[in-house]
Amino acid sequence: MKRNPAALFFVAAVVAAMLFVGFHSARRAGSGNSDSLDVTGKPAPDFTLDSLDGKKIQLSSYKGQAVLLNFWATWCGPCKIEMPWFVDLQKEYGPQGLQIVGVAMDDASKDEIAKFVKEMGVNYTILLGKEAVGQEYGGVNVLPTTFFIDRDGKIVAREFGLQSRSLFVDNIKKSLSQGRAVQAQK
């Protein structure tokens, strides 16, 4: 049976168009409604999670500090690339009022997460994540997902996946410059 090249081209074009429309529709549907898409300027949802040392940590306890809130997992390759940057950024910007908070969103045990964190030389707060917290932030469907929160607790920026270190620095500087600093109570 001989195939008509024009018919094959037409079928291929229709399939390509359907894939294009389907892909873009799925991306829009996956990112939620337009209200959850733009979180800039909105208050960061408060939560309380357990730290690796068993303390209950509440996000709002960092008011007056800029917060880089990073959702990650031990199995996440891009997360492993970012973590040394965060160690350096905590050293560099911590004295200016930055607190990096990592939220582990995988099924590893607390001991496995602690071992991983130690091996990575992490010098910032690590919390044991819960799906409900991820949902409050619009669903954390991509790891890593990073939120930059200003000193007043408002979201300045959100980044999905591995981004450049310079973009993190720009967002940290923006977070530190917005809102009012509060003296830490010790």
N, C-alpha and C. Protein backbone atom coordinates (compact mmCIF):
# COMPACT_ATOMS: atom_id res chain seq x y z
N MET A 1 0.85 -1.18 0.00
CA MET A 1 0.00 0.00 0.00
C MET A 1 0.89 1.24 0.00
N LYS A 2 0.63 2.13 -0.94
CA LYS A 2 1.43 3.34 -1.09
C LYS A 2 0.80 4.46 -0.26
N ARG A 3 1.63 5.21 0.49
CA ARG A 3 1.16 6.29 1.34
C ARG A 3 1.30 7.62 0.59
N ASN A 4 0.32 8.46 0.80
CA ASN A 4 0.34 9.79 0.20
C ASN A 4 1.18 10.70 1.10
N PRO A 5 2.29 11.27 0.57
CA PRO A 5 3.15 12.12 1.40
C PRO A 5 2.40 13.34 1.95
N ALA A 6 1.49 13.89 1.23
CA ALA A 6 0.73 15.05 1.72
C ALA A 6 -0.14 14.65 2.90
N ALA A 7 -0.75 13.49 2.85
CA ALA A 7 -1.59 13.02 3.96
C ALA A 7 -0.74 12.76 5.20
N LEU A 8 0.43 12.15 5.02
CA LEU A 8 1.33 11.91 6.15
C LEU A 8 1.76 13.24 6.78
N PHE A 9 2.09 14.22 5.94
CA PHE A 9 2.49 15.53 6.45
C PHE A 9 1.34 16.15 7.24
N PHE A 10 0.12 16.06 6.72
CA PHE A 10 -1.05 16.62 7.40
C PHE A 10 -1.26 15.96 8.77
N VAL A 11 -1.18 14.62 8.81
CA VAL A 11 -1.36 13.90 10.07
C VAL A 11 -0.25 14.30 11.06
N ALA A 12 0.98 14.38 10.59
CA ALA A 12 2.09 14.77 11.47
C ALA A 12 1.89 16.18 12.01
N ALA A 13 1.41 17.09 11.16
CA ALA A 13 1.17 18.48 11.60
C ALA A 13 0.06 18.53 12.63
N VAL A 14 -1.00 17.76 12.44
CA VAL A 14 -2.11 17.73 13.41
C VAL A 14 -1.62 17.17 14.75
N VAL A 15 -0.87 16.08 14.71
CA VAL A 15 -0.34 15.48 15.94
C VAL A 15 0.58 16.48 16.66
N ALA A 16 1.45 17.14 15.92
CA ALA A 16 2.36 18.13 16.52
C ALA A 16 1.57 19.27 17.16
N ALA A 17 0.54 19.75 16.48
CA ALA A 17 -0.29 20.82 17.04
C ALA A 17 -0.99 20.37 18.32
N MET A 18 -1.52 19.13 18.30
CA MET A 18 -2.19 18.61 19.49
C MET A 18 -1.21 18.49 20.66
N LEU A 19 0.00 18.01 20.40
CA LEU A 19 1.01 17.90 21.45
C LEU A 19 1.38 19.27 22.00
N PHE A 20 1.56 20.25 21.11
CA PHE A 20 1.91 21.60 21.53
C PHE A 20 0.82 22.18 22.43
N VAL A 21 -0.43 22.11 22.00
CA VAL A 21 -1.54 22.65 22.79
C VAL A 21 -1.68 21.88 24.10
N GLY A 22 -1.56 20.57 24.05
CA GLY A 22 -1.68 19.76 25.27
C GLY A 22 -0.58 20.06 26.27
N PHE A 23 0.65 20.20 25.78
CA PHE A 23 1.78 20.51 26.66
C PHE A 23 1.58 21.85 27.35
N HIS A 24 1.22 22.86 26.60
CA HIS A 24 1.04 24.19 27.19
C HIS A 24 -0.18 24.25 28.10
N SER A 25 -1.21 23.52 27.79
CA SER A 25 -2.38 23.47 28.66
C SER A 25 -2.04 22.77 29.97
N ALA A 26 -1.27 21.70 29.89
CA ALA A 26 -0.87 20.97 31.10
C ALA A 26 0.02 21.84 31.98
N ARG A 27 0.93 22.60 31.39
CA ARG A 27 1.79 23.48 32.18
C ARG A 27 0.96 24.53 32.91
N ARG A 28 -0.03 25.12 32.22
CA ARG A 28 -0.88 26.12 32.87
C ARG A 28 -1.72 25.47 33.96
N ALA A 29 -2.25 24.30 33.71
CA ALA A 29 -3.09 23.62 34.71
C ALA A 29 -2.25 23.20 35.90
N GLY A 30 -1.02 22.76 35.66
CA GLY A 30 -0.15 22.31 36.74
C GLY A 30 0.30 23.42 37.64
N SER A 31 0.28 24.67 37.15
CA SER A 31 0.76 25.76 38.00
C SER A 31 -0.35 26.39 38.79
N GLY A 32 -1.53 25.82 38.77
CA GLY A 32 -2.61 26.33 39.61
C GLY A 32 -3.30 27.52 38.99
N ASN A 33 -4.20 28.13 39.76
CA ASN A 33 -4.91 29.28 39.22
C ASN A 33 -4.04 30.51 39.27
N SER A 34 -4.48 31.57 38.66
CA SER A 34 -3.66 32.77 38.55
C SER A 34 -3.38 33.39 39.92
N ASP A 35 -4.25 33.18 40.90
CA ASP A 35 -4.01 33.72 42.23
C ASP A 35 -2.81 33.05 42.89
N SER A 36 -2.69 31.73 42.73
CA SER A 36 -1.58 31.03 43.38
C SER A 36 -0.30 31.17 42.56
N LEU A 37 -0.41 31.57 41.29
CA LEU A 37 0.75 31.70 40.45
C LEU A 37 1.63 32.86 40.89
N ASP A 38 1.03 34.00 41.22
CA ASP A 38 1.80 35.16 41.62
C ASP A 38 1.68 35.34 43.13
N VAL A 39 2.69 34.91 43.84
CA VAL A 39 2.68 35.00 45.30
C VAL A 39 3.47 36.20 45.80
N THR A 40 4.11 36.91 44.88
CA THR A 40 4.93 38.05 45.26
C THR A 40 4.11 39.08 46.02
N GLY A 41 4.64 39.52 47.14
CA GLY A 41 3.98 40.53 47.96
C GLY A 41 2.98 39.97 48.95
N LYS A 42 2.69 38.67 48.86
CA LYS A 42 1.73 38.05 49.78
C LYS A 42 2.48 37.53 51.01
N PRO A 43 1.79 37.49 52.16
CA PRO A 43 2.44 36.94 53.36
C PRO A 43 2.79 35.46 53.16
N ALA A 44 3.96 35.07 53.63
CA ALA A 44 4.36 33.67 53.57
C ALA A 44 3.50 32.90 54.57
N PRO A 45 2.88 31.80 54.15
CA PRO A 45 2.09 31.00 55.10
C PRO A 45 2.96 30.54 56.28
N ASP A 46 2.45 30.76 57.47
CA ASP A 46 3.19 30.35 58.66
C ASP A 46 3.01 28.85 58.88
N PHE A 47 3.99 28.23 59.48
CA PHE A 47 3.92 26.80 59.79
C PHE A 47 4.83 26.52 60.97
N THR A 48 4.64 25.38 61.57
CA THR A 48 5.53 24.87 62.61
C THR A 48 5.93 23.46 62.20
N LEU A 49 7.23 23.23 62.12
CA LEU A 49 7.77 21.91 61.77
C LEU A 49 8.88 21.53 62.73
N ASP A 50 9.16 20.24 62.80
CA ASP A 50 10.24 19.75 63.65
C ASP A 50 11.58 19.92 62.96
N SER A 51 12.57 20.37 63.74
CA SER A 51 13.94 20.44 63.23
C SER A 51 14.60 19.08 63.45
N LEU A 52 15.79 18.92 62.91
CA LEU A 52 16.50 17.65 63.07
C LEU A 52 16.85 17.36 64.52
N ASP A 53 16.98 18.42 65.33
CA ASP A 53 17.28 18.20 66.75
C ASP A 53 16.03 18.13 67.62
N GLY A 54 14.86 17.99 66.97
CA GLY A 54 13.62 17.77 67.70
C GLY A 54 12.89 19.01 68.18
N LYS A 55 13.41 20.19 67.87
CA LYS A 55 12.73 21.42 68.28
C LYS A 55 11.62 21.74 67.30
N LYS A 56 10.57 22.39 67.83
CA LYS A 56 9.48 22.88 66.97
C LYS A 56 9.89 24.27 66.50
N ILE A 57 9.96 24.46 65.20
CA ILE A 57 10.37 25.74 64.62
C ILE A 57 9.18 26.34 63.87
N GLN A 58 8.89 27.58 64.20
CA GLN A 58 7.79 28.29 63.55
C GLN A 58 8.39 29.32 62.61
N LEU A 59 7.92 29.35 61.38
CA LEU A 59 8.46 30.30 60.40
C LEU A 59 8.35 31.73 60.90
N SER A 60 7.23 32.08 61.54
CA SER A 60 7.03 33.47 61.99
C SER A 60 8.04 33.89 63.06
N SER A 61 8.77 32.94 63.65
CA SER A 61 9.79 33.31 64.64
C SER A 61 10.97 34.02 63.98
N TYR A 62 11.04 33.99 62.66
CA TYR A 62 12.11 34.65 61.93
C TYR A 62 11.73 36.07 61.49
N LYS A 63 10.58 36.56 61.96
CA LYS A 63 10.17 37.92 61.57
C LYS A 63 11.27 38.90 61.94
N GLY A 64 11.55 39.81 61.03
CA GLY A 64 12.65 40.75 61.21
C GLY A 64 13.91 40.29 60.50
N GLN A 65 13.93 39.02 60.09
CA GLN A 65 15.02 38.49 59.30
C GLN A 65 14.49 38.17 57.90
N ALA A 66 15.36 38.22 56.92
CA ALA A 66 15.02 37.72 55.59
C ALA A 66 15.19 36.21 55.63
N VAL A 67 14.31 35.49 54.94
CA VAL A 67 14.37 34.03 54.95
C VAL A 67 14.43 33.51 53.52
N LEU A 68 15.37 32.62 53.28
CA LEU A 68 15.39 31.84 52.05
C LEU A 68 14.83 30.49 52.46
N LEU A 69 13.62 30.18 51.99
CA LEU A 69 12.91 28.96 52.34
C LEU A 69 13.02 27.99 51.16
N ASN A 70 13.76 26.90 51.37
CA ASN A 70 14.07 25.98 50.29
C ASN A 70 13.46 24.61 50.55
N PHE A 71 12.57 24.17 49.66
CA PHE A 71 11.99 22.82 49.72
C PHE A 71 12.89 21.92 48.89
N TRP A 72 13.36 20.82 49.49
CA TRP A 72 14.35 19.96 48.85
C TRP A 72 14.14 18.51 49.27
N ALA A 73 14.96 17.62 48.71
CA ALA A 73 14.93 16.20 49.10
C ALA A 73 16.34 15.62 48.96
N THR A 74 16.61 14.57 49.71
CA THR A 74 17.94 13.95 49.69
C THR A 74 18.26 13.32 48.33
N TRP A 75 17.24 12.88 47.59
CA TRP A 75 17.44 12.23 46.30
C TRP A 75 17.51 13.21 45.14
N CYS A 76 17.33 14.49 45.40
CA CYS A 76 17.23 15.53 44.37
C CYS A 76 18.61 16.02 43.94
N GLY A 77 19.00 15.70 42.71
CA GLY A 77 20.29 16.11 42.18
C GLY A 77 20.52 17.62 42.20
N PRO A 78 19.58 18.43 41.66
CA PRO A 78 19.76 19.88 41.69
C PRO A 78 19.84 20.44 43.12
N CYS A 79 19.17 19.79 44.06
CA CYS A 79 19.23 20.23 45.47
C CYS A 79 20.65 20.09 45.99
N LYS A 80 21.33 19.00 45.58
CA LYS A 80 22.71 18.76 46.03
C LYS A 80 23.66 19.81 45.46
N ILE A 81 23.33 20.35 44.31
CA ILE A 81 24.16 21.40 43.71
C ILE A 81 23.97 22.71 44.48
N GLU A 82 22.72 23.01 44.87
CA GLU A 82 22.42 24.26 45.57
C GLU A 82 22.95 24.30 47.00
N MET A 83 22.95 23.18 47.68
CA MET A 83 23.24 23.18 49.12
C MET A 83 24.59 23.81 49.47
N PRO A 84 25.66 23.53 48.76
CA PRO A 84 26.92 24.22 49.09
C PRO A 84 26.83 25.74 48.88
N TRP A 85 26.05 26.17 47.89
CA TRP A 85 25.84 27.61 47.70
C TRP A 85 25.16 28.19 48.94
N PHE A 86 24.13 27.46 49.44
CA PHE A 86 23.39 27.95 50.60
C PHE A 86 24.30 28.03 51.83
N VAL A 87 25.20 27.07 51.97
CA VAL A 87 26.16 27.11 53.08
C VAL A 87 26.97 28.41 53.01
N ASP A 88 27.49 28.71 51.81
CA ASP A 88 28.27 29.94 51.61
C ASP A 88 27.41 31.19 51.80
N LEU A 89 26.19 31.16 51.28
CA LEU A 89 25.30 32.33 51.38
C LEU A 89 24.88 32.58 52.82
N GLN A 90 24.70 31.51 53.61
CA GLN A 90 24.37 31.68 55.03
C GLN A 90 25.54 32.35 55.76
N LYS A 91 26.77 31.94 55.44
CA LYS A 91 27.95 32.56 56.05
C LYS A 91 28.05 34.04 55.66
N GLU A 92 27.81 34.32 54.37
CA GLU A 92 27.99 35.68 53.87
C GLU A 92 26.89 36.63 54.31
N TYR A 93 25.63 36.19 54.23
CA TYR A 93 24.50 37.09 54.48
C TYR A 93 23.83 36.90 55.83
N GLY A 94 24.17 35.83 56.55
CA GLY A 94 23.62 35.60 57.89
C GLY A 94 23.84 36.78 58.83
N PRO A 95 25.06 37.34 58.85
CA PRO A 95 25.30 38.49 59.73
C PRO A 95 24.46 39.73 59.38
N GLN A 96 23.95 39.76 58.14
CA GLN A 96 23.10 40.88 57.71
C GLN A 96 21.62 40.63 58.00
N GLY A 97 21.30 39.44 58.51
CA GLY A 97 19.91 39.14 58.86
C GLY A 97 19.24 38.09 58.00
N LEU A 98 20.01 37.30 57.26
CA LEU A 98 19.43 36.22 56.45
C LEU A 98 19.40 34.93 57.26
N GLN A 99 18.30 34.20 57.17
CA GLN A 99 18.23 32.85 57.71
C GLN A 99 17.77 31.92 56.60
N ILE A 100 18.60 30.95 56.27
CA ILE A 100 18.20 29.94 55.30
C ILE A 100 17.54 28.81 56.06
N VAL A 101 16.39 28.37 55.54
CA VAL A 101 15.64 27.28 56.15
C VAL A 101 15.36 26.25 55.05
N GLY A 102 15.88 25.05 55.24
CA GLY A 102 15.63 23.97 54.30
C GLY A 102 14.53 23.07 54.83
N VAL A 103 13.58 22.73 53.97
CA VAL A 103 12.48 21.84 54.35
C VAL A 103 12.61 20.55 53.53
N ALA A 104 12.99 19.46 54.23
CA ALA A 104 13.18 18.16 53.57
C ALA A 104 11.81 17.57 53.23
N MET A 105 11.56 17.33 51.94
CA MET A 105 10.25 16.88 51.47
C MET A 105 10.28 15.45 50.93
N ASP A 106 11.19 14.63 51.45
CA ASP A 106 11.21 13.26 50.95
C ASP A 106 10.85 12.28 52.05
N ASP A 107 10.84 11.00 51.72
CA ASP A 107 10.41 9.97 52.66
C ASP A 107 11.57 9.36 53.44
N ALA A 108 12.74 9.94 53.34
CA ALA A 108 13.88 9.43 54.09
C ALA A 108 13.60 9.60 55.58
N SER A 109 14.23 8.75 56.38
CA SER A 109 14.06 8.87 57.83
C SER A 109 14.80 10.10 58.35
N LYS A 110 14.45 10.50 59.55
CA LYS A 110 15.11 11.63 60.20
C LYS A 110 16.62 11.37 60.28
N ASP A 111 17.01 10.14 60.61
CA ASP A 111 18.43 9.80 60.72
C ASP A 111 19.13 9.88 59.37
N GLU A 112 18.46 9.41 58.31
CA GLU A 112 19.05 9.49 56.97
C GLU A 112 19.22 10.95 56.53
N ILE A 113 18.22 11.77 56.82
CA ILE A 113 18.30 13.20 56.47
C ILE A 113 19.44 13.85 57.25
N ALA A 114 19.54 13.54 58.56
CA ALA A 114 20.60 14.12 59.39
C ALA A 114 21.99 13.72 58.87
N LYS A 115 22.14 12.45 58.48
CA LYS A 115 23.42 11.98 57.94
C LYS A 115 23.75 12.72 56.64
N PHE A 116 22.77 12.87 55.76
CA PHE A 116 22.94 13.58 54.50
C PHE A 116 23.35 15.03 54.75
N VAL A 117 22.66 15.68 55.67
CA VAL A 117 22.92 17.10 55.99
C VAL A 117 24.34 17.26 56.53
N LYS A 118 24.76 16.33 57.38
CA LYS A 118 26.11 16.38 57.94
C LYS A 118 27.15 16.21 56.83
N GLU A 119 26.92 15.25 55.93
CA GLU A 119 27.84 15.01 54.81
C GLU A 119 27.95 16.23 53.90
N MET A 120 26.85 16.98 53.77
CA MET A 120 26.83 18.17 52.91
C MET A 120 27.39 19.41 53.63
N GLY A 121 27.66 19.29 54.93
CA GLY A 121 28.22 20.41 55.68
C GLY A 121 27.24 21.56 55.88
N VAL A 122 25.96 21.23 55.97
CA VAL A 122 24.92 22.25 56.08
C VAL A 122 25.05 23.02 57.40
N ASN A 123 24.99 24.35 57.31
CA ASN A 123 25.13 25.23 58.47
C ASN A 123 23.86 26.05 58.71
N TYR A 124 22.77 25.62 58.15
CA TYR A 124 21.51 26.34 58.31
C TYR A 124 20.42 25.38 58.79
N THR A 125 19.29 25.93 59.17
CA THR A 125 18.20 25.15 59.76
C THR A 125 17.59 24.19 58.75
N ILE A 126 17.45 22.94 59.16
CA ILE A 126 16.77 21.93 58.34
C ILE A 126 15.55 21.44 59.11
N LEU A 127 14.40 21.46 58.44
CA LEU A 127 13.15 21.03 59.03
C LEU A 127 12.63 19.80 58.29
N LEU A 128 11.85 19.00 59.00
CA LEU A 128 11.24 17.82 58.41
C LEU A 128 9.89 18.23 57.83
N GLY A 129 9.78 18.20 56.51
CA GLY A 129 8.61 18.71 55.81
C GLY A 129 7.38 17.84 55.93
N LYS A 130 6.26 18.47 55.68
CA LYS A 130 4.97 17.78 55.61
C LYS A 130 4.28 18.27 54.34
N GLU A 131 3.56 17.36 53.70
CA GLU A 131 2.88 17.69 52.44
C GLU A 131 1.95 18.89 52.63
N ALA A 132 1.30 19.00 53.79
CA ALA A 132 0.36 20.10 54.03
C ALA A 132 1.06 21.46 53.95
N VAL A 133 2.30 21.52 54.41
CA VAL A 133 3.05 22.78 54.32
C VAL A 133 3.34 23.11 52.87
N GLY A 134 3.76 22.11 52.11
CA GLY A 134 3.98 22.32 50.68
C GLY A 134 2.73 22.81 49.98
N GLN A 135 1.57 22.27 50.37
CA GLN A 135 0.30 22.70 49.78
C GLN A 135 -0.01 24.16 50.10
N GLU A 136 0.34 24.60 51.31
CA GLU A 136 0.11 26.00 51.69
C GLU A 136 0.92 26.95 50.82
N TYR A 137 1.99 26.45 50.26
CA TYR A 137 2.84 27.26 49.38
C TYR A 137 2.51 27.02 47.91
N GLY A 138 1.31 26.57 47.64
CA GLY A 138 0.87 26.39 46.26
C GLY A 138 1.19 25.03 45.69
N GLY A 139 1.60 24.10 46.53
CA GLY A 139 1.99 22.78 46.04
C GLY A 139 3.43 22.81 45.59
N VAL A 140 4.24 22.01 46.19
CA VAL A 140 5.66 21.96 45.83
C VAL A 140 5.83 20.75 44.93
N ASN A 141 5.57 20.96 43.63
CA ASN A 141 5.60 19.88 42.65
C ASN A 141 6.97 19.74 42.00
N VAL A 142 7.84 20.72 42.20
CA VAL A 142 9.17 20.72 41.63
C VAL A 142 10.16 20.89 42.78
N LEU A 143 11.18 20.04 42.80
CA LEU A 143 12.24 20.21 43.79
C LEU A 143 13.53 20.50 43.05
N PRO A 144 14.29 21.43 43.51
CA PRO A 144 14.00 22.33 44.62
C PRO A 144 13.02 23.42 44.23
N THR A 145 12.30 23.94 45.21
CA THR A 145 11.50 25.15 45.08
C THR A 145 11.93 26.07 46.21
N THR A 146 12.22 27.32 45.86
CA THR A 146 12.78 28.25 46.83
C THR A 146 11.95 29.53 46.87
N PHE A 147 11.62 29.94 48.10
CA PHE A 147 10.90 31.18 48.34
C PHE A 147 11.83 32.14 49.06
N PHE A 148 11.77 33.41 48.68
CA PHE A 148 12.54 34.45 49.33
C PHE A 148 11.55 35.34 50.06
N ILE A 149 11.73 35.46 51.37
CA ILE A 149 10.77 36.15 52.23
C ILE A 149 11.46 37.34 52.87
N ASP A 150 10.81 38.50 52.82
CA ASP A 150 11.43 39.69 53.39
C ASP A 150 11.29 39.74 54.91
N ARG A 151 11.81 40.79 55.51
CA ARG A 151 11.84 40.91 56.97
C ARG A 151 10.46 41.04 57.59
N ASP A 152 9.46 41.43 56.80
CA ASP A 152 8.09 41.54 57.29
C ASP A 152 7.28 40.25 57.05
N GLY A 153 7.91 39.22 56.49
CA GLY A 153 7.23 37.95 56.26
C GLY A 153 6.48 37.88 54.95
N LYS A 154 6.80 38.76 54.01
CA LYS A 154 6.14 38.74 52.70
C LYS A 154 7.06 38.09 51.67
N ILE A 155 6.46 37.34 50.76
CA ILE A 155 7.22 36.66 49.72
C ILE A 155 7.68 37.68 48.68
N VAL A 156 8.98 37.69 48.45
CA VAL A 156 9.60 38.61 47.49
C VAL A 156 9.74 37.93 46.13
N ALA A 157 10.06 36.64 46.15
CA ALA A 157 10.26 35.89 44.89
C ALA A 157 10.11 34.40 45.17
N ARG A 158 9.86 33.66 44.08
CA ARG A 158 9.78 32.20 44.14
C ARG A 158 10.50 31.66 42.92
N GLU A 159 11.33 30.65 43.12
CA GLU A 159 12.08 30.06 42.02
C GLU A 159 11.87 28.55 42.02
N PHE A 160 11.64 27.98 40.85
CA PHE A 160 11.46 26.54 40.68
C PHE A 160 12.71 25.94 40.07
N GLY A 161 13.13 24.79 40.59
CA GLY A 161 14.26 24.09 40.01
C GLY A 161 15.58 24.78 40.30
N LEU A 162 16.63 24.24 39.71
CA LEU A 162 17.97 24.78 39.89
C LEU A 162 18.07 26.11 39.16
N GLN A 163 18.49 27.12 39.87
CA GLN A 163 18.69 28.45 39.30
C GLN A 163 20.14 28.85 39.49
N SER A 164 20.52 29.97 38.93
CA SER A 164 21.90 30.41 39.08
C SER A 164 22.13 30.98 40.48
N ARG A 165 23.35 30.85 40.95
CA ARG A 165 23.72 31.39 42.25
C ARG A 165 23.49 32.90 42.26
N SER A 166 23.79 33.56 41.14
CA SER A 166 23.63 35.02 41.08
C SER A 166 22.16 35.43 41.24
N LEU A 167 21.24 34.62 40.74
CA LEU A 167 19.81 34.92 40.92
C LEU A 167 19.44 34.80 42.40
N PHE A 168 19.99 33.79 43.08
CA PHE A 168 19.75 33.66 44.52
C PHE A 168 20.28 34.89 45.26
N VAL A 169 21.48 35.33 44.90
CA VAL A 169 22.07 36.50 45.56
C VAL A 169 21.19 37.74 45.33
N ASP A 170 20.72 37.92 44.11
CA ASP A 170 19.84 39.07 43.82
C ASP A 170 18.57 39.02 44.67
N ASN A 171 17.97 37.84 44.78
CA ASN A 171 16.74 37.70 45.57
C ASN A 171 17.01 37.84 47.07
N ILE A 172 18.16 37.39 47.53
CA ILE A 172 18.54 37.56 48.94
C ILE A 172 18.69 39.04 49.24
N LYS A 173 19.38 39.76 48.38
CA LYS A 173 19.57 41.21 48.60
C LYS A 173 18.23 41.93 48.61
N LYS A 174 17.33 41.52 47.72
CA LYS A 174 15.99 42.12 47.70
C LYS A 174 15.25 41.82 49.01
N SER A 175 15.35 40.58 49.48
CA SER A 175 14.69 40.18 50.73
C SER A 175 15.24 40.96 51.92
N LEU A 176 16.56 41.14 51.96
CA LEU A 176 17.18 41.86 53.06
C LEU A 176 16.83 43.34 53.06
N SER A 177 16.59 43.89 51.88
CA SER A 177 16.34 45.34 51.79
C SER A 177 14.89 45.71 52.04
N GLN A 178 14.00 44.73 52.07
CA GLN A 178 12.57 45.02 52.25
C GLN A 178 12.13 44.64 53.64
N GLY A 179 11.23 45.44 54.19
CA GLY A 179 10.71 45.17 55.52
C GLY A 179 11.60 45.76 56.59
N ARG A 180 11.18 45.60 57.82
CA ARG A 180 11.91 46.19 58.94
C ARG A 180 12.67 45.11 59.71
N ALA A 181 13.93 45.43 60.00
CA ALA A 181 14.74 44.51 60.80
C ALA A 181 14.29 44.59 62.26
N VAL A 182 14.29 43.44 62.89
CA VAL A 182 13.96 43.36 64.32
C VAL A 182 15.17 42.73 64.99
N GLN A 183 15.56 43.29 66.12
CA GLN A 183 16.67 42.71 66.87
C GLN A 183 16.29 41.33 67.35
N ALA A 184 17.17 40.39 67.16
CA ALA A 184 16.91 39.01 67.61
C ALA A 184 16.90 38.98 69.13
N GLN A 185 15.94 38.26 69.68
CA GLN A 185 15.87 38.10 71.13
C GLN A 185 16.49 36.76 71.49
N LYS A 186 17.45 36.81 72.37
CA LYS A 186 18.15 35.57 72.71
C LYS A 186 18.01 35.28 74.17
